[in-house]
Protein backbone atom coordinates (compact mmCIF):
# COMPACT_ATOMS: atom_id res chain seq x y z
CA MET A 1 24.38 5.75 6.26
CA GLY A 2 26.50 3.27 4.29
CA LYS A 3 25.78 -0.37 3.59
CA SER A 4 25.72 -2.63 6.63
CA ILE A 5 27.85 -5.81 6.54
CA LEU A 6 27.68 -8.64 9.04
CA VAL A 7 31.02 -10.42 9.63
CA VAL A 8 30.64 -13.82 11.27
CA GLU A 9 34.10 -15.20 12.07
CA ASP A 10 35.32 -17.01 15.21
CA GLU A 11 38.99 -16.05 14.74
CA SER A 12 39.25 -12.64 16.39
CA LYS A 13 42.30 -11.48 14.39
CA MET A 14 40.69 -12.42 11.08
CA ARG A 15 37.43 -10.75 12.12
CA GLU A 16 39.28 -7.56 13.12
CA PHE A 17 41.28 -7.59 9.87
CA ILE A 18 38.11 -7.86 7.75
CA SER A 19 36.19 -5.29 9.79
CA LEU A 20 39.05 -2.79 9.64
CA TYR A 21 39.15 -2.77 5.84
CA LEU A 22 35.37 -2.72 5.51
CA ARG A 23 35.15 0.35 7.75
CA LYS A 24 37.90 2.03 5.71
CA GLU A 25 35.66 1.55 2.67
CA GLY A 26 32.80 3.28 4.49
CA TYR A 27 30.74 0.23 5.39
CA GLU A 28 28.98 -0.15 8.72
CA VAL A 29 30.22 -3.39 10.30
CA ILE A 30 28.43 -5.70 12.73
CA GLU A 31 30.55 -8.53 14.16
CA ALA A 32 29.72 -11.97 15.53
CA CYS A 33 32.10 -14.61 16.90
CA ASP A 34 30.03 -17.72 16.17
CA GLY A 35 27.15 -18.96 14.04
CA GLU A 36 24.44 -18.59 16.66
CA LYS A 37 25.38 -15.01 17.49
CA GLY A 38 25.70 -14.28 13.77
CA LEU A 39 22.18 -15.49 13.10
CA GLU A 40 20.87 -13.52 16.07
CA LYS A 41 22.52 -10.30 14.87
CA PHE A 42 21.27 -10.89 11.34
CA ASN A 43 17.71 -11.19 12.60
CA ASN A 44 17.98 -8.11 14.84
CA ASN A 45 19.67 -5.70 12.43
CA LYS A 46 19.27 -4.41 8.90
CA ILE A 47 22.01 -6.31 7.07
CA ASP A 48 22.92 -5.61 3.42
CA LEU A 49 25.58 -8.32 3.02
CA THR A 50 26.90 -11.19 5.16
CA ILE A 51 30.39 -12.67 5.33
CA LEU A 52 30.41 -16.16 6.86
CA ASP A 53 33.32 -18.33 7.92
CA VAL A 54 32.68 -22.03 7.30
CA MET A 55 34.29 -23.56 10.40
CA MET A 56 32.66 -22.05 13.48
CA PRO A 57 31.38 -23.36 16.81
CA LYS A 58 27.67 -23.92 17.53
CA LEU A 59 26.49 -23.31 13.96
CA ASP A 60 28.84 -23.53 10.99
CA GLY A 61 28.72 -21.15 8.04
CA PHE A 62 26.71 -23.51 5.88
CA GLU A 63 23.94 -23.83 8.47
CA VAL A 64 23.83 -20.07 9.02
CA CYS A 65 23.68 -19.53 5.25
CA LYS A 66 20.83 -22.03 4.95
CA LYS A 67 18.82 -20.37 7.74
CA ILE A 68 19.34 -16.88 6.28
CA ARG A 69 18.17 -18.10 2.88
CA GLU A 70 14.89 -19.29 4.39
CA HIS A 71 13.71 -15.68 4.57
CA SER A 72 16.27 -13.39 2.94
CA LYS A 73 18.05 -12.86 -0.40
CA VAL A 74 20.83 -10.71 1.09
CA PRO A 75 24.23 -11.39 -0.61
CA ILE A 76 26.38 -13.95 1.23
CA ILE A 77 30.13 -14.52 0.89
CA ILE A 78 31.56 -17.72 2.37
CA LEU A 79 35.08 -17.77 3.85
CA THR A 80 36.94 -21.08 3.77
CA ALA A 81 40.46 -22.10 4.75
CA ILE A 82 40.64 -24.93 2.22
CA GLU A 83 40.04 -24.74 -1.53
CA GLU A 84 37.69 -27.73 -1.68
CA GLU A 85 35.31 -28.19 -4.59
CA ARG A 86 32.78 -30.02 -2.40
CA ASP A 87 32.69 -27.08 0.03
CA HIS A 88 32.04 -24.68 -2.82
CA ILE A 89 29.27 -26.86 -4.18
CA LYS A 90 27.70 -27.22 -0.73
CA GLY A 91 27.88 -23.46 -0.17
CA TYR A 92 26.20 -22.67 -3.47
CA GLU A 93 23.54 -25.26 -2.73
CA MET A 94 22.85 -23.50 0.56
CA GLY A 95 22.48 -20.20 -1.27
CA ALA A 96 25.91 -18.52 -1.06
CA ASP A 97 26.68 -15.92 -3.71
CA ASP A 98 30.48 -16.09 -3.69
CA TYR A 99 33.52 -17.71 -2.07
CA ILE A 100 36.88 -16.47 -0.91
CA THR A 101 39.69 -18.74 0.30
CA LYS A 102 41.98 -17.85 3.20
CA PRO A 103 44.49 -16.32 3.17
CA PHE A 104 43.29 -13.52 0.92
CA LYS A 105 44.05 -9.90 0.16
CA ALA A 106 41.61 -7.34 1.50
CA LYS A 107 41.27 -5.69 -1.90
CA ILE A 108 40.00 -8.97 -3.37
CA LEU A 109 37.29 -9.22 -0.72
CA ILE A 110 36.34 -5.56 -1.24
CA ALA A 111 36.13 -6.10 -5.01
CA LYS A 112 33.83 -9.09 -4.53
CA ILE A 113 31.61 -7.10 -2.15
CA LYS A 114 31.34 -4.16 -4.56
CA ARG A 115 30.48 -6.48 -7.43
CA LEU A 116 27.72 -8.15 -5.42
CA PHE A 117 26.24 -4.77 -4.49
CA GLU A 118 26.49 -3.68 -8.12
CA ARG A 119 24.73 -6.84 -9.30
CA LEU A 120 22.01 -6.38 -6.69
CA ARG A 121 21.48 -2.79 -7.83
CA GLU A 122 21.23 -3.93 -11.45
CA GLU A 123 18.59 -6.51 -10.51
CA ILE A 124 16.56 -3.88 -8.66
CA ASP A 125 16.89 -1.30 -11.44
CA LYS A 126 15.65 -3.64 -14.15
CA ASP A 127 12.24 -3.81 -12.44
CA VAL A 128 11.91 -0.04 -12.13
CA TYR A 129 10.97 2.09 -15.14
CA THR A 130 11.44 5.84 -14.81
CA TYR A 131 10.18 8.40 -17.31
CA ASP A 132 10.72 11.93 -16.05
CA LYS A 133 8.50 12.23 -12.94
CA LEU A 134 6.75 8.92 -13.63
CA LYS A 135 8.16 5.86 -11.84
CA ILE A 136 6.77 2.37 -12.39
CA ASP A 137 8.09 -0.16 -9.88
CA LEU A 138 7.12 -3.65 -11.04
CA GLU A 139 8.62 -5.45 -8.05
CA GLY A 140 6.97 -3.13 -5.54
CA ARG A 141 3.79 -2.97 -7.64
CA GLN A 142 3.49 0.78 -7.38
CA VAL A 143 3.30 3.82 -9.62
CA ILE A 144 4.63 7.19 -8.49
CA ILE A 145 4.08 10.57 -10.16
CA ASN A 146 5.92 13.63 -8.84
CA GLY A 147 6.79 11.72 -5.68
CA SER A 148 3.20 10.74 -4.89
CA LYS A 149 1.83 7.21 -5.12
CA VAL A 150 -0.92 6.61 -7.65
CA LYS A 151 -3.65 4.29 -6.43
CA LEU A 152 -4.27 1.62 -9.05
CA ALA A 153 -6.60 -1.36 -8.88
CA PRO A 154 -4.76 -4.71 -9.26
CA LYS A 155 -5.92 -5.21 -12.86
CA GLU A 156 -5.03 -1.62 -13.75
CA PHE A 157 -1.48 -2.20 -12.53
CA GLU A 158 -1.21 -5.55 -14.34
CA LEU A 159 -2.44 -3.88 -17.52
CA LEU A 160 0.16 -1.12 -17.20
CA GLU A 161 2.86 -3.70 -16.42
CA TYR A 162 2.03 -5.68 -19.56
CA LEU A 163 2.11 -2.55 -21.70
CA VAL A 164 5.41 -1.33 -20.22
CA ILE A 165 7.17 -4.69 -20.59
CA ASN A 166 6.13 -4.69 -24.25
CA LYS A 167 7.02 -1.04 -24.82
CA GLY A 168 6.79 0.01 -28.47
CA ILE A 169 4.82 -3.09 -29.50
CA ALA A 170 1.25 -2.76 -30.78
CA LEU A 171 -0.82 -5.21 -28.73
CA THR A 172 -4.25 -6.40 -29.78
CA ARG A 173 -7.15 -6.31 -27.34
CA ASN A 174 -7.23 -10.11 -27.40
CA GLN A 175 -3.53 -10.31 -26.55
CA ILE A 176 -4.04 -7.95 -23.63
CA LEU A 177 -7.13 -9.81 -22.49
CA GLU A 178 -5.38 -13.19 -22.55
CA ASN A 179 -2.20 -12.00 -20.80
CA VAL A 180 -3.78 -9.76 -18.16
CA TRP A 181 -7.15 -11.40 -17.52
CA GLY A 182 -6.24 -14.96 -18.54
CA TYR A 183 -7.28 -17.38 -21.25
CA ASP A 184 -10.35 -18.51 -19.35
CA PHE A 185 -11.83 -15.00 -19.01
CA GLU A 186 -15.32 -14.99 -20.47
CA GLY A 187 -15.86 -11.23 -20.78
CA GLU A 188 -15.61 -9.08 -23.89
CA THR A 189 -12.64 -7.08 -25.14
CA ARG A 190 -14.40 -3.87 -24.15
CA VAL A 191 -13.14 -4.54 -20.60
CA VAL A 192 -9.70 -3.66 -21.97
CA ASP A 193 -10.96 -0.31 -23.28
CA ASN A 194 -12.62 0.48 -19.95
CA HIS A 195 -9.44 -0.24 -17.98
CA ILE A 196 -7.31 1.75 -20.44
CA LYS A 197 -9.64 4.71 -19.89
CA LYS A 198 -9.30 4.44 -16.10
CA LEU A 199 -5.55 3.98 -16.32
CA ARG A 200 -5.11 7.02 -18.54
CA SER A 201 -7.08 9.20 -16.14
CA LYS A 202 -4.78 8.19 -13.26
CA LEU A 203 -1.54 8.68 -15.20
CA GLU A 204 -2.35 12.37 -15.73
CA ASN A 205 0.00 13.94 -18.31
CA TYR A 206 1.71 10.58 -18.85
CA SER A 207 -1.49 9.11 -20.25
CA ARG A 208 -0.09 10.09 -23.65
CA PHE A 209 2.34 7.17 -23.31
CA ILE A 210 -0.58 4.79 -23.83
CA GLU A 211 -1.37 5.08 -27.52
CA THR A 212 -4.41 3.78 -29.33
CA VAL A 213 -3.41 1.80 -32.40
CA ILE A 214 -6.37 2.02 -34.80
CA SER A 215 -7.90 -1.33 -35.75
CA VAL A 216 -5.40 -3.12 -33.49
CA GLY A 217 -5.37 -2.14 -29.83
CA TYR A 218 -2.85 -0.26 -27.71
CA LYS A 219 0.85 0.23 -27.14
CA PHE A 220 3.10 1.95 -24.58
CA GLU A 221 5.25 4.47 -26.43
CA VAL A 222 7.49 6.92 -24.57
CA HIS A 223 7.52 10.46 -25.95
CA GLU A 224 9.46 13.52 -24.92
CA TYR A 225 8.91 14.26 -21.24
CA ALA A 226 8.21 17.96 -21.67
């Protein structure tokens, strides 16, 4: 199934025009004729991007945008009939991602939508590290090997996260201790060694990525996958 886009526009012809071109591009379209219905449909459906007209009955686009932003980061494009700087500023303050002024060409709207989806994908990808069959998802706080989740204790994951973010850098035990356990931790550096041992056992063949640096500490170094 393609991406789902919510179009909230009170002018039926404009709403039909937008929806027609979105469907031609392979998007699933959900329509709403006013702000209240738009918010209701947003809350009751999986929405990947929202297009909001500013001037609508019941709830205007700004209010809908504000309410969506209270619990969602989904991309939002604001439609406005007037090129007003204050409207743009207000929209961005409410959490809008982009603006398009009426009248507009469909290909411009489509280009903006594709760019927002591309940017969203880039933001997601930067928090996911994949090495062959090993996947480390920092945002989701999970490690997957060969499609199966690896159960890590919170500190084991935080240790792996710190190593991965500093890939290729030799980190001392004290550095690891301070950044993973905190400056006020009163234990000894051997806690780092113990957690490295546990982490290596759970990473199976990929344990080789965690190298011991003699007289220093450890580093995450990616080798050939085979």
